[in-house]
Amino acid sequence: MEDTIFGKITRGEIPTDFLYEDDLCVVIKDIYPQAPTHVLIIPRKPIPMLNMASEEDQSLLGHLLVVAGKVADQLGVADAFRLVINNGAGGGQTVFHLHLHILAGRDMKEVELASGLA
C-alpha cells in the first residue's frame, strides 16, 4: 500500500492535535468540515478501503464503531450524528487509508450525494 497523509498522521510524522487516541486509532478534526462537527476516526493499521479489510480486521472495525460513540459523546453530539465511510473513488474516497467521518451539528435528514467527504 502507498503511504498516505493519514499514515503519517497516525505515526506522528505530521504534528496533529488528537481529539482521541489509543493503540488502534486516532481522531482528528477534518480540515474541510462538511458540518459544524466533523471529525475523522483513523485506524493506525493502513487498510486502503473498507472492502479490502479482512477477517482479521473484524475486531478493529468494531473498535472504530465503539470509538465513534465515545467521541460523539465527548463532543456532545451523541444524540444526533452521521457516521460515514466512503469506499473507492466512485464512493467519494480521496485518501486511500480507511477512515470514518462523524458529522453533526446540522440537520442530517437530507442525503447529500455531492458532499465532498474524503
PDB file of N, CA and C in Angstrom:
ATOM      1  N   MET A   1       0.833  -1.184   0.000  1.00  0.00           N
ATOM      2  CA  MET A   1       0.000   0.000   0.000  1.00  0.00           C
ATOM      3  C   MET A   1       0.873   1.241   0.000  1.00  0.00           C
ATOM      4  N   GLU A   2       0.466   2.212  -0.775  1.00  0.00           N
ATOM      5  CA  GLU A   2       1.158   3.503  -0.819  1.00  0.00           C
ATOM      6  C   GLU A   2       0.899   4.268   0.473  1.00  0.00           C
ATOM      7  N   ASP A   3       1.937   4.940   0.991  1.00  0.00           N
ATOM      8  CA  ASP A   3       1.778   5.725   2.214  1.00  0.00           C
ATOM      9  C   ASP A   3       0.856   6.916   1.929  1.00  0.00           C
ATOM     10  N   THR A   4       0.114   7.320   2.959  1.00  0.00           N
ATOM     11  CA  THR A   4      -0.829   8.427   2.815  1.00  0.00           C
ATOM     12  C   THR A   4      -0.593   9.440   3.929  1.00  0.00           C
ATOM     13  N   ILE A   5      -1.244  10.567   3.806  1.00  0.00           N
ATOM     14  CA  ILE A   5      -1.172  11.582   4.857  1.00  0.00           C
ATOM     15  C   ILE A   5      -1.697  11.019   6.178  1.00  0.00           C
ATOM     16  N   PHE A   6      -2.698  10.142   6.130  1.00  0.00           N
ATOM     17  CA  PHE A   6      -3.238   9.568   7.359  1.00  0.00           C
ATOM     18  C   PHE A   6      -2.228   8.633   8.012  1.00  0.00           C
ATOM     19  N   GLY A   7      -1.451   7.906   7.214  1.00  0.00           N
ATOM     20  CA  GLY A   7      -0.397   7.075   7.771  1.00  0.00           C
ATOM     21  C   GLY A   7       0.626   7.926   8.504  1.00  0.00           C
ATOM     22  N   LYS A   8       0.988   9.045   7.896  1.00  0.00           N
ATOM     23  CA  LYS A   8       1.959   9.954   8.518  1.00  0.00           C
ATOM     24  C   LYS A   8       1.401  10.573   9.790  1.00  0.00           C
ATOM     25  N   ILE A   9       0.115  10.883   9.797  1.00  0.00           N
ATOM     26  CA  ILE A   9      -0.524  11.447  10.988  1.00  0.00           C
ATOM     27  C   ILE A   9      -0.544  10.414  12.110  1.00  0.00           C
ATOM     28  N   THR A  10      -0.951   9.181  11.805  1.00  0.00           N
ATOM     29  CA  THR A  10      -1.058   8.167  12.858  1.00  0.00           C
ATOM     30  C   THR A  10       0.309   7.806  13.439  1.00  0.00           C
ATOM     31  N   ARG A  11       1.354   7.943  12.653  1.00  0.00           N
ATOM     32  CA  ARG A  11       2.721   7.649  13.140  1.00  0.00           C
ATOM     33  C   ARG A  11       3.371   8.852  13.817  1.00  0.00           C
ATOM     34  N   GLY A  12       2.696   9.996  13.822  1.00  0.00           N
ATOM     35  CA  GLY A  12       3.241  11.188  14.464  1.00  0.00           C
ATOM     36  C   GLY A  12       4.236  11.950  13.621  1.00  0.00           C
ATOM     37  N   GLU A  13       4.318  11.647  12.334  1.00  0.00           N
ATOM     38  CA  GLU A  13       5.255  12.336  11.442  1.00  0.00           C
ATOM     39  C   GLU A  13       4.748  13.719  11.039  1.00  0.00           C
ATOM     40  N   ILE A  14       3.446  13.912  11.119  1.00  0.00           N
ATOM     41  CA  ILE A  14       2.831  15.221  10.869  1.00  0.00           C
ATOM     42  C   ILE A  14       2.180  15.638  12.183  1.00  0.00           C
ATOM     43  N   PRO A  15       2.656  16.726  12.786  1.00  0.00           N
ATOM     44  CA  PRO A  15       2.075  17.153  14.068  1.00  0.00           C
ATOM     45  C   PRO A  15       0.585  17.439  13.926  1.00  0.00           C
ATOM     46  N   THR A  16      -0.190  16.806  14.769  1.00  0.00           N
ATOM     47  CA  THR A  16      -1.645  16.924  14.723  1.00  0.00           C
ATOM     48  C   THR A  16      -2.190  16.847  16.134  1.00  0.00           C
ATOM     49  N   ASP A  17      -3.200  17.649  16.413  1.00  0.00           N
ATOM     50  CA  ASP A  17      -3.871  17.560  17.709  1.00  0.00           C
ATOM     51  C   ASP A  17      -4.891  16.432  17.645  1.00  0.00           C
ATOM     52  N   PHE A  18      -4.695  15.413  18.458  1.00  0.00           N
ATOM     53  CA  PHE A  18      -5.638  14.301  18.518  1.00  0.00           C
ATOM     54  C   PHE A  18      -6.739  14.627  19.516  1.00  0.00           C
ATOM     55  N   LEU A  19      -7.979  14.463  19.088  1.00  0.00           N
ATOM     56  CA  LEU A  19      -9.115  14.599  19.989  1.00  0.00           C
ATOM     57  C   LEU A  19      -9.254  13.350  20.844  1.00  0.00           C
ATOM     58  N   TYR A  20      -8.751  12.236  20.297  1.00  0.00           N
ATOM     59  CA  TYR A  20      -8.767  10.944  20.974  1.00  0.00           C
ATOM     60  C   TYR A  20      -7.667  10.117  20.332  1.00  0.00           C
ATOM     61  N   GLU A  21      -7.029   9.271  21.128  1.00  0.00           N
ATOM     62  CA  GLU A  21      -6.097   8.305  20.566  1.00  0.00           C
ATOM     63  C   GLU A  21      -5.957   7.116  21.489  1.00  0.00           C
ATOM     64  N   ASP A  22      -5.724   5.972  20.891  1.00  0.00           N
ATOM     65  CA  ASP A  22      -5.397   4.760  21.627  1.00  0.00           C
ATOM     66  C   ASP A  22      -4.440   3.964  20.754  1.00  0.00           C
ATOM     67  N   ASP A  23      -4.181   2.735  21.119  1.00  0.00           N
ATOM     68  CA  ASP A  23      -3.209   1.953  20.365  1.00  0.00           C
ATOM     69  C   ASP A  23      -3.717   1.512  18.996  1.00  0.00           C
ATOM     70  N   LEU A  24      -5.020   1.654  18.729  1.00  0.00           N
ATOM     71  CA  LEU A  24      -5.590   1.207  17.460  1.00  0.00           C
ATOM     72  C   LEU A  24      -5.998   2.326  16.507  1.00  0.00           C
ATOM     73  N   CYS A  25      -6.275   3.526  17.036  1.00  0.00           N
ATOM     74  CA  CYS A  25      -6.762   4.590  16.162  1.00  0.00           C
ATOM     75  C   CYS A  25      -6.514   5.967  16.761  1.00  0.00           C
ATOM     76  N   VAL A  26      -6.718   6.978  15.926  1.00  0.00           N
ATOM     77  CA  VAL A  26      -6.669   8.376  16.349  1.00  0.00           C
ATOM     78  C   VAL A  26      -7.911   9.081  15.803  1.00  0.00           C
ATOM     79  N   VAL A  27      -8.252  10.204  16.433  1.00  0.00           N
ATOM     80  CA  VAL A  27      -9.372  11.022  15.964  1.00  0.00           C
ATOM     81  C   VAL A  27      -8.874  12.448  15.822  1.00  0.00           C
ATOM     82  N   ILE A  28      -9.134  13.033  14.645  1.00  0.00           N
ATOM     83  CA  ILE A  28      -8.716  14.403  14.362  1.00  0.00           C
ATOM     84  C   ILE A  28      -9.893  15.182  13.773  1.00  0.00           C
ATOM     85  N   LYS A  29      -9.791  16.508  13.817  1.00  0.00           N
ATOM     86  CA  LYS A  29     -10.767  17.349  13.124  1.00  0.00           C
ATOM     87  C   LYS A  29     -10.500  17.277  11.625  1.00  0.00           C
ATOM     88  N   ASP A  30     -11.573  17.268  10.848  1.00  0.00           N
ATOM     89  CA  ASP A  30     -11.436  17.316   9.391  1.00  0.00           C
ATOM     90  C   ASP A  30     -11.029  18.722   8.985  1.00  0.00           C
ATOM     91  N   ILE A  31     -10.055  18.842   8.084  1.00  0.00           N
ATOM     92  CA  ILE A  31      -9.601  20.181   7.685  1.00  0.00           C
ATOM     93  C   ILE A  31     -10.553  20.850   6.699  1.00  0.00           C
ATOM     94  N   TYR A  32     -11.474  20.086   6.115  1.00  0.00           N
ATOM     95  CA  TYR A  32     -12.501  20.636   5.227  1.00  0.00           C
ATOM     96  C   TYR A  32     -13.875  20.213   5.748  1.00  0.00           C
ATOM     97  N   PRO A  33     -14.293  20.754   6.889  1.00  0.00           N
ATOM     98  CA  PRO A  33     -15.529  20.265   7.520  1.00  0.00           C
ATOM     99  C   PRO A  33     -16.767  20.477   6.666  1.00  0.00           C
ATOM    100  N   GLN A  34     -17.613  19.456   6.674  1.00  0.00           N
ATOM    101  CA  GLN A  34     -18.886  19.496   5.955  1.00  0.00           C
ATOM    102  C   GLN A  34     -20.059  19.732   6.897  1.00  0.00           C
ATOM    103  N   ALA A  35     -19.751  19.889   8.187  1.00  0.00           N
ATOM    104  CA  ALA A  35     -20.761  20.144   9.210  1.00  0.00           C
ATOM    105  C   ALA A  35     -20.055  20.848  10.369  1.00  0.00           C
ATOM    106  N   PRO A  36     -20.815  21.489  11.259  1.00  0.00           N
ATOM    107  CA  PRO A  36     -20.183  22.158  12.403  1.00  0.00           C
ATOM    108  C   PRO A  36     -19.276  21.232  13.215  1.00  0.00           C
ATOM    109  N   THR A  37     -19.680  19.983  13.385  1.00  0.00           N
ATOM    110  CA  THR A  37     -18.813  18.966  13.972  1.00  0.00           C
ATOM    111  C   THR A  37     -18.469  17.979  12.872  1.00  0.00           C
ATOM    112  N   HIS A  38     -17.190  17.846  12.559  1.00  0.00           N
ATOM    113  CA  HIS A  38     -16.748  16.909  11.531  1.00  0.00           C
ATOM    114  C   HIS A  38     -15.359  16.422  11.922  1.00  0.00           C
ATOM    115  N   VAL A  39     -15.306  15.178  12.379  1.00  0.00           N
ATOM    116  CA  VAL A  39     -14.033  14.591  12.777  1.00  0.00           C
ATOM    117  C   VAL A  39     -13.823  13.272  12.043  1.00  0.00           C
ATOM    118  N   LEU A  40     -12.570  12.855  12.001  1.00  0.00           N
ATOM    119  CA  LEU A  40     -12.184  11.618  11.326  1.00  0.00           C
ATOM    120  C   LEU A  40     -11.634  10.633  12.343  1.00  0.00           C
ATOM    121  N   ILE A  41     -12.072   9.398  12.250  1.00  0.00           N
ATOM    122  CA  ILE A  41     -11.524   8.306  13.048  1.00  0.00           C
ATOM    123  C   ILE A  41     -10.646   7.495  12.104  1.00  0.00           C
ATOM    124  N   ILE A  42      -9.356   7.442  12.409  1.00  0.00           N
ATOM    125  CA  ILE A  42      -8.382   6.833  11.500  1.00  0.00           C
ATOM    126  C   ILE A  42      -7.692   5.669  12.209  1.00  0.00           C
ATOM    127  N   PRO A  43      -7.825   4.449  11.684  1.00  0.00           N
ATOM    128  CA  PRO A  43      -7.102   3.344  12.303  1.00  0.00           C
ATOM    129  C   PRO A  43      -5.604   3.490  12.053  1.00  0.00           C
ATOM    130  N   ARG A  44      -4.808   3.042  13.008  1.00  0.00           N
ATOM    131  CA  ARG A  44      -3.355   3.072  12.819  1.00  0.00           C
ATOM    132  C   ARG A  44      -2.935   2.060  11.755  1.00  0.00           C
ATOM    133  N   LYS A  45      -3.667   0.972  11.646  1.00  0.00           N
ATOM    134  CA  LYS A  45      -3.376  -0.031  10.608  1.00  0.00           C
ATOM    135  C   LYS A  45      -3.827   0.534   9.267  1.00  0.00           C
ATOM    136  N   PRO A  46      -2.943   0.578   8.294  1.00  0.00           N
ATOM    137  CA  PRO A  46      -3.314   1.140   6.982  1.00  0.00           C
ATOM    138  C   PRO A  46      -4.089   0.151   6.111  1.00  0.00           C
ATOM    139  N   ILE A  47      -5.394   0.267   6.130  1.00  0.00           N
ATOM    140  CA  ILE A  47      -6.273  -0.510   5.246  1.00  0.00           C
ATOM    141  C   ILE A  47      -6.732   0.477   4.184  1.00  0.00           C
ATOM    142  N   PRO A  48      -6.437   0.228   2.902  1.00  0.00           N
ATOM    143  CA  PRO A  48      -6.769   1.224   1.875  1.00  0.00           C
ATOM    144  C   PRO A  48      -8.258   1.570   1.790  1.00  0.00           C
ATOM    145  N   MET A  49      -9.110   0.544   1.792  1.00  0.00           N
ATOM    146  CA  MET A  49     -10.554   0.762   1.658  1.00  0.00           C
ATOM    147  C   MET A  49     -11.273  -0.297   2.475  1.00  0.00           C
ATOM    148  N   LEU A  50     -12.520  -0.007   2.841  1.00  0.00           N
ATOM    149  CA  LEU A  50     -13.292  -0.946   3.648  1.00  0.00           C
ATOM    150  C   LEU A  50     -13.379  -2.314   2.980  1.00  0.00           C
ATOM    151  N   ASN A  51     -13.567  -2.351   1.672  1.00  0.00           N
ATOM    152  CA  ASN A  51     -13.713  -3.635   1.004  1.00  0.00           C
ATOM    153  C   ASN A  51     -12.406  -4.431   0.974  1.00  0.00           C
ATOM    154  N   MET A  52     -11.303  -3.831   1.405  1.00  0.00           N
ATOM    155  CA  MET A  52     -10.029  -4.543   1.487  1.00  0.00           C
ATOM    156  C   MET A  52      -9.741  -5.044   2.904  1.00  0.00           C
ATOM    157  N   ALA A  53     -10.653  -4.775   3.832  1.00  0.00           N
ATOM    158  CA  ALA A  53     -10.495  -5.299   5.186  1.00  0.00           C
ATOM    159  C   ALA A  53     -10.674  -6.814   5.147  1.00  0.00           C
ATOM    160  N   SER A  54      -9.970  -7.490   6.043  1.00  0.00           N
ATOM    161  CA  SER A  54     -10.040  -8.951   6.090  1.00  0.00           C
ATOM    162  C   SER A  54     -10.700  -9.407   7.382  1.00  0.00           C
ATOM    163  N   GLU A  55     -10.887 -10.709   7.510  1.00  0.00           N
ATOM    164  CA  GLU A  55     -11.463 -11.279   8.724  1.00  0.00           C
ATOM    165  C   GLU A  55     -10.650 -10.868   9.953  1.00  0.00           C
ATOM    166  N   GLU A  56      -9.345 -10.766   9.807  1.00  0.00           N
ATOM    167  CA  GLU A  56      -8.507 -10.386  10.950  1.00  0.00           C
ATOM    168  C   GLU A  56      -8.740  -8.946  11.382  1.00  0.00           C
ATOM    169  N   ASP A  57      -9.397  -8.142  10.567  1.00  0.00           N
ATOM    170  CA  ASP A  57      -9.687  -6.746  10.894  1.00  0.00           C
ATOM    171  C   ASP A  57     -11.031  -6.571  11.605  1.00  0.00           C
ATOM    172  N   GLN A  58     -11.740  -7.654  11.815  1.00  0.00           N
ATOM    173  CA  GLN A  58     -13.090  -7.564  12.381  1.00  0.00           C
ATOM    174  C   GLN A  58     -13.110  -6.840  13.724  1.00  0.00           C
ATOM    175  N   SER A  59     -12.218  -7.176  14.633  1.00  0.00           N
ATOM    176  CA  SER A  59     -12.238  -6.521  15.942  1.00  0.00           C
ATOM    177  C   SER A  59     -11.829  -5.054  15.826  1.00  0.00           C
ATOM    178  N   LEU A  60     -10.907  -4.726  14.908  1.00  0.00           N
ATOM    179  CA  LEU A  60     -10.522  -3.330  14.684  1.00  0.00           C
ATOM    180  C   LEU A  60     -11.719  -2.528  14.188  1.00  0.00           C
ATOM    181  N   LEU A  61     -12.455  -3.075  13.234  1.00  0.00           N
ATOM    182  CA  LEU A  61     -13.613  -2.363  12.696  1.00  0.00           C
ATOM    183  C   LEU A  61     -14.666  -2.130  13.775  1.00  0.00           C
ATOM    184  N   GLY A  62     -14.886  -3.120  14.621  1.00  0.00           N
ATOM    185  CA  GLY A  62     -15.810  -2.938  15.738  1.00  0.00           C
ATOM    186  C   GLY A  62     -15.310  -1.881  16.709  1.00  0.00           C
ATOM    187  N   HIS A  63     -14.012  -1.879  16.949  1.00  0.00           N
ATOM    188  CA  HIS A  63     -13.412  -0.885  17.838  1.00  0.00           C
ATOM    189  C   HIS A  63     -13.645   0.527  17.300  1.00  0.00           C
ATOM    190  N   LEU A  64     -13.517   0.719  15.993  1.00  0.00           N
ATOM    191  CA  LEU A  64     -13.729   2.034  15.389  1.00  0.00           C
ATOM    192  C   LEU A  64     -15.159   2.517  15.637  1.00  0.00           C
ATOM    193  N   LEU A  65     -16.122   1.610  15.587  1.00  0.00           N
ATOM    194  CA  LEU A  65     -17.513   1.993  15.844  1.00  0.00           C
ATOM    195  C   LEU A  65     -17.720   2.365  17.315  1.00  0.00           C
ATOM    196  N   VAL A  66     -17.099   1.626  18.216  1.00  0.00           N
ATOM    197  CA  VAL A  66     -17.204   1.957  19.639  1.00  0.00           C
ATOM    198  C   VAL A  66     -16.572   3.317  19.906  1.00  0.00           C
ATOM    199  N   VAL A  67     -15.415   3.569  19.292  1.00  0.00           N
ATOM    200  CA  VAL A  67     -14.748   4.862  19.444  1.00  0.00           C
ATOM    201  C   VAL A  67     -15.643   5.980  18.895  1.00  0.00           C
ATOM    202  N   ALA A  68     -16.335   5.721  17.792  1.00  0.00           N
ATOM    203  CA  ALA A  68     -17.244   6.731  17.234  1.00  0.00           C
ATOM    204  C   ALA A  68     -18.274   7.146  18.271  1.00  0.00           C
ATOM    205  N   GLY A  69     -18.854   6.188  18.976  1.00  0.00           N
ATOM    206  CA  GLY A  69     -19.828   6.510  20.007  1.00  0.00           C
ATOM    207  C   GLY A  69     -19.214   7.299  21.157  1.00  0.00           C
ATOM    208  N   LYS A  70     -18.023   6.887  21.586  1.00  0.00           N
ATOM    209  CA  LYS A  70     -17.339   7.591  22.681  1.00  0.00           C
ATOM    210  C   LYS A  70     -17.007   9.023  22.295  1.00  0.00           C
ATOM    211  N   VAL A  71     -16.485   9.205  21.090  1.00  0.00           N
ATOM    212  CA  VAL A  71     -16.091  10.539  20.634  1.00  0.00           C
ATOM    213  C   VAL A  71     -17.320  11.419  20.430  1.00  0.00           C
ATOM    214  N   ALA A  72     -18.385  10.858  19.870  1.00  0.00           N
ATOM    215  CA  ALA A  72     -19.620  11.634  19.709  1.00  0.00           C
ATOM    216  C   ALA A  72     -20.114  12.111  21.073  1.00  0.00           C
ATOM    217  N   ASP A  73     -20.033  11.254  22.072  1.00  0.00           N
ATOM    218  CA  ASP A  73     -20.430  11.645  23.423  1.00  0.00           C
ATOM    219  C   ASP A  73     -19.508  12.736  23.958  1.00  0.00           C
ATOM    220  N   GLN A  74     -18.207  12.557  23.771  1.00  0.00           N
ATOM    221  CA  GLN A  74     -17.212  13.549  24.215  1.00  0.00           C
ATOM    222  C   GLN A  74     -17.460  14.911  23.581  1.00  0.00           C
ATOM    223  N   LEU A  75     -17.889  14.913  22.320  1.00  0.00           N
ATOM    224  CA  LEU A  75     -18.134  16.161  21.590  1.00  0.00           C
ATOM    225  C   LEU A  75     -19.532  16.728  21.835  1.00  0.00           C
ATOM    226  N   GLY A  76     -20.349  16.012  22.579  1.00  0.00           N
ATOM    227  CA  GLY A  76     -21.693  16.485  22.891  1.00  0.00           C
ATOM    228  C   GLY A  76     -22.696  16.309  21.778  1.00  0.00           C
ATOM    229  N   VAL A  77     -22.445  15.359  20.863  1.00  0.00           N
ATOM    230  CA  VAL A  77     -23.355  15.160  19.729  1.00  0.00           C
ATOM    231  C   VAL A  77     -23.900  13.733  19.662  1.00  0.00           C
ATOM    232  N   ALA A  78     -23.782  12.993  20.766  1.00  0.00           N
ATOM    233  CA  ALA A  78     -24.153  11.579  20.749  1.00  0.00           C
ATOM    234  C   ALA A  78     -25.621  11.326  20.409  1.00  0.00           C
ATOM    235  N   ASP A  79     -26.484  12.321  20.609  1.00  0.00           N
ATOM    236  CA  ASP A  79     -27.906  12.115  20.335  1.00  0.00           C
ATOM    237  C   ASP A  79     -28.258  12.251  18.854  1.00  0.00           C
ATOM    238  N   ALA A  80     -27.363  12.826  18.034  1.00  0.00           N
ATOM    239  CA  ALA A  80     -27.669  13.003  16.613  1.00  0.00           C
ATOM    240  C   ALA A  80     -26.390  13.245  15.820  1.00  0.00           C
ATOM    241  N   PHE A  81     -25.915  12.198  15.160  1.00  0.00           N
ATOM    242  CA  PHE A  81     -24.752  12.345  14.289  1.00  0.00           C
ATOM    243  C   PHE A  81     -24.840  11.353  13.140  1.00  0.00           C
ATOM    244  N   ARG A  82     -24.062  11.611  12.131  1.00  0.00           N
ATOM    245  CA  ARG A  82     -23.960  10.709  10.984  1.00  0.00           C
ATOM    246  C   ARG A  82     -22.564  10.125  10.983  1.00  0.00           C
ATOM    247  N   LEU A  83     -22.474   8.826  10.708  1.00  0.00           N
ATOM    248  CA  LEU A  83     -21.196   8.144  10.597  1.00  0.00           C
ATOM    249  C   LEU A  83     -21.065   7.680   9.153  1.00  0.00           C
ATOM    250  N   VAL A  84     -19.969   8.089   8.490  1.00  0.00           N
ATOM    251  CA  VAL A  84     -19.804   7.828   7.059  1.00  0.00           C
ATOM    252  C   VAL A  84     -18.467   7.141   6.800  1.00  0.00           C
ATOM    253  N   ILE A  85     -18.498   6.127   5.926  1.00  0.00           N
ATOM    254  CA  ILE A  85     -17.283   5.512   5.393  1.00  0.00           C
ATOM    255  C   ILE A  85     -17.421   5.536   3.881  1.00  0.00           C
ATOM    256  N   ASN A  86     -16.523   6.238   3.217  1.00  0.00           N
ATOM    257  CA  ASN A  86     -16.506   6.246   1.756  1.00  0.00           C
ATOM    258  C   ASN A  86     -15.587   5.122   1.291  1.00  0.00           C
ATOM    259  N   ASN A  87     -15.969   4.419   0.236  1.00  0.00           N
ATOM    260  CA  ASN A  87     -15.172   3.309  -0.270  1.00  0.00           C
ATOM    261  C   ASN A  87     -14.926   3.482  -1.761  1.00  0.00           C
ATOM    262  N   GLY A  88     -13.690   3.756  -2.111  1.00  0.00           N
ATOM    263  CA  GLY A  88     -13.308   3.902  -3.514  1.00  0.00           C
ATOM    264  C   GLY A  88     -13.576   5.294  -4.052  1.00  0.00           C
ATOM    265  N   ALA A  89     -12.891   5.604  -5.135  1.00  0.00           N
ATOM    266  CA  ALA A  89     -13.020   6.934  -5.746  1.00  0.00           C
ATOM    267  C   ALA A  89     -14.467   7.239  -6.130  1.00  0.00           C
ATOM    268  N   GLY A  90     -15.167   6.247  -6.676  1.00  0.00           N
ATOM    269  CA  GLY A  90     -16.565   6.434  -7.060  1.00  0.00           C
ATOM    270  C   GLY A  90     -17.478   6.635  -5.864  1.00  0.00           C
ATOM    271  N   GLY A  91     -17.020   6.225  -4.694  1.00  0.00           N
ATOM    272  CA  GLY A  91     -17.787   6.401  -3.462  1.00  0.00           C
ATOM    273  C   GLY A  91     -17.393   7.659  -2.713  1.00  0.00           C
ATOM    274  N   GLY A  92     -16.529   8.485  -3.322  1.00  0.00           N
ATOM    275  CA  GLY A  92     -16.141   9.745  -2.712  1.00  0.00           C
ATOM    276  C   GLY A  92     -14.865   9.697  -1.896  1.00  0.00           C
ATOM    277  N   GLN A  93     -14.164   8.555  -1.890  1.00  0.00           N
ATOM    278  CA  GLN A  93     -12.937   8.446  -1.103  1.00  0.00           C
ATOM    279  C   GLN A  93     -11.783   9.098  -1.857  1.00  0.00           C
ATOM    280  N   THR A  94     -11.056   9.987  -1.176  1.00  0.00           N
ATOM    281  CA  THR A  94      -9.898  10.637  -1.805  1.00  0.00           C
ATOM    282  C   THR A  94      -8.592  10.291  -1.114  1.00  0.00           C
ATOM    283  N   VAL A  95      -8.656   9.858   0.153  1.00  0.00           N
ATOM    284  CA  VAL A  95      -7.466   9.396   0.864  1.00  0.00           C
ATOM    285  C   VAL A  95      -7.643   7.897   1.063  1.00  0.00           C
ATOM    286  N   PHE A  96      -6.756   7.112   0.489  1.00  0.00           N
ATOM    287  CA  PHE A  96      -6.910   5.661   0.497  1.00  0.00           C
ATOM    288  C   PHE A  96      -6.233   5.025   1.709  1.00  0.00           C
ATOM    289  N   HIS A  97      -6.790   5.394   2.851  1.00  0.00           N
ATOM    290  CA  HIS A  97      -6.491   4.832   4.164  1.00  0.00           C
ATOM    291  C   HIS A  97      -7.843   4.883   4.863  1.00  0.00           C
ATOM    292  N   LEU A  98      -8.429   3.730   5.109  1.00  0.00           N
ATOM    293  CA  LEU A  98      -9.758   3.660   5.710  1.00  0.00           C
ATOM    294  C   LEU A  98      -9.907   4.675   6.831  1.00  0.00           C
ATOM    295  N   HIS A  99     -11.036   5.351   6.865  1.00  0.00           N
ATOM    296  CA  HIS A  99     -11.342   6.289   7.937  1.00  0.00           C
ATOM    297  C   HIS A  99     -12.853   6.505   8.001  1.00  0.00           C
ATOM    298  N   LEU A 100     -13.318   6.880   9.175  1.00  0.00           N
ATOM    299  CA  LEU A 100     -14.735   7.130   9.407  1.00  0.00           C
ATOM    300  C   LEU A 100     -14.926   8.609   9.678  1.00  0.00           C
ATOM    301  N   HIS A 101     -15.999   9.159   9.165  1.00  0.00           N
ATOM    302  CA  HIS A 101     -16.368  10.552   9.405  1.00  0.00           C
ATOM    303  C   HIS A 101     -17.506  10.593  10.408  1.00  0.00           C
ATOM    304  N   ILE A 102     -17.374  11.422  11.432  1.00  0.00           N
ATOM    305  CA  ILE A 102     -18.506  11.763  12.301  1.00  0.00           C
ATOM    306  C   ILE A 102     -18.919  13.177  11.919  1.00  0.00           C
ATOM    307  N   LEU A 103     -20.179  13.323  11.519  1.00  0.00           N
ATOM    308  CA  LEU A 103     -20.724  14.631  11.155  1.00  0.00           C
ATOM    309  C   LEU A 103     -21.917  14.924  12.045  1.00  0.00           C
ATOM    310  N   ALA A 104     -21.966  16.147  12.565  1.00  0.00           N
ATOM    311  CA  ALA A 104     -23.076  16.535  13.437  1.00  0.00           C
ATOM    312  C   ALA A 104     -23.159  18.050  13.524  1.00  0.00           C
ATOM    313  N   GLY A 105     -24.210  18.505  14.171  1.00  0.00           N
ATOM    314  CA  GLY A 105     -24.361  19.941  14.394  1.00  0.00           C
ATOM    315  C   GLY A 105     -25.210  20.638  13.365  1.00  0.00           C
ATOM    316  N   ARG A 106     -25.775  19.884  12.450  1.00  0.00           N
ATOM    317  CA  ARG A 106     -26.734  20.437  11.499  1.00  0.00           C
ATOM    318  C   ARG A 106     -27.687  19.316  11.110  1.00  0.00           C
ATOM    319  N   ASP A 107     -28.782  19.646  10.445  1.00  0.00           N
ATOM    320  CA  ASP A 107     -29.780  18.659  10.055  1.00  0.00           C
ATOM    321  C   ASP A 107     -29.173  17.677   9.062  1.00  0.00           C
ATOM    322  N   MET A 108     -29.214  16.403   9.398  1.00  0.00           N
ATOM    323  CA  MET A 108     -28.631  15.367   8.542  1.00  0.00           C
ATOM    324  C   MET A 108     -29.711  14.534   7.840  1.00  0.00           C
ATOM    325  N   LYS A 109     -30.927  15.040   7.760  1.00  0.00           N
ATOM    326  CA  LYS A 109     -32.014  14.280   7.157  1.00  0.00           C
ATOM    327  C   LYS A 109     -31.858  14.131   5.654  1.00  0.00           C
ATOM    328  N   GLU A 110     -31.337  15.149   5.018  1.00  0.00           N
ATOM    329  CA  GLU A 110     -31.190  15.127   3.564  1.00  0.00           C
ATOM    330  C   GLU A 110     -29.962  14.325   3.162  1.00  0.00           C
ATOM    331  N   VAL A 111     -30.108  13.472   2.182  1.00  0.00           N
ATOM    332  CA  VAL A 111     -28.981  12.728   1.640  1.00  0.00           C
ATOM    333  C   VAL A 111     -28.216  13.676   0.722  1.00  0.00           C
ATOM    334  N   GLU A 112     -26.916  13.752   0.936  1.00  0.00           N
ATOM    335  CA  GLU A 112     -26.086  14.672   0.152  1.00  0.00           C
ATOM    336  C   GLU A 112     -25.138  13.865  -0.728  1.00  0.00           C
ATOM    337  N   LEU A 113     -25.510  13.682  -1.965  1.00  0.00           N
ATOM    338  CA  LEU A 113     -24.721  12.863  -2.864  1.00  0.00           C
ATOM    339  C   LEU A 113     -23.403  13.517  -3.230  1.00  0.00           C
ATOM    340  N   ALA A 114     -23.349  14.820  -3.263  1.00  0.00           N
ATOM    341  CA  ALA A 114     -22.121  15.520  -3.625  1.00  0.00           C
ATOM    342  C   ALA A 114     -21.539  16.211  -2.394  1.00  0.00           C
ATOM    343  N   SER A 115     -21.378  15.458  -1.313  1.00  0.00           N
ATOM    344  CA  SER A 115     -20.971  16.063  -0.047  1.00  0.00           C
ATOM    345  C   SER A 115     -19.506  16.448  -0.012  1.00  0.00           C
ATOM    346  N   GLY A 116     -18.664  15.844  -0.842  1.00  0.00           N
ATOM    347  CA  GLY A 116     -17.258  16.187  -0.842  1.00  0.00           C
ATOM    348  C   GLY A 116     -16.483  15.587   0.323  1.00  0.00           C
ATOM    349  N   LEU A 117     -17.006  14.551   0.960  1.00  0.00           N
ATOM    350  CA  LEU A 117     -16.286  13.910   2.062  1.00  0.00           C
ATOM    351  C   LEU A 117     -15.115  13.101   1.515  1.00  0.00           C
ATOM    352  N   ALA A 118     -13.966  13.208   2.184  1.00  0.00           N
ATOM    353  CA  ALA A 118     -12.782  12.462   1.740  1.00  0.00           C
ATOM    354  C   ALA A 118     -12.980  11.014   2.043  1.00  0.00           C
TER     355      ALA A 118
END
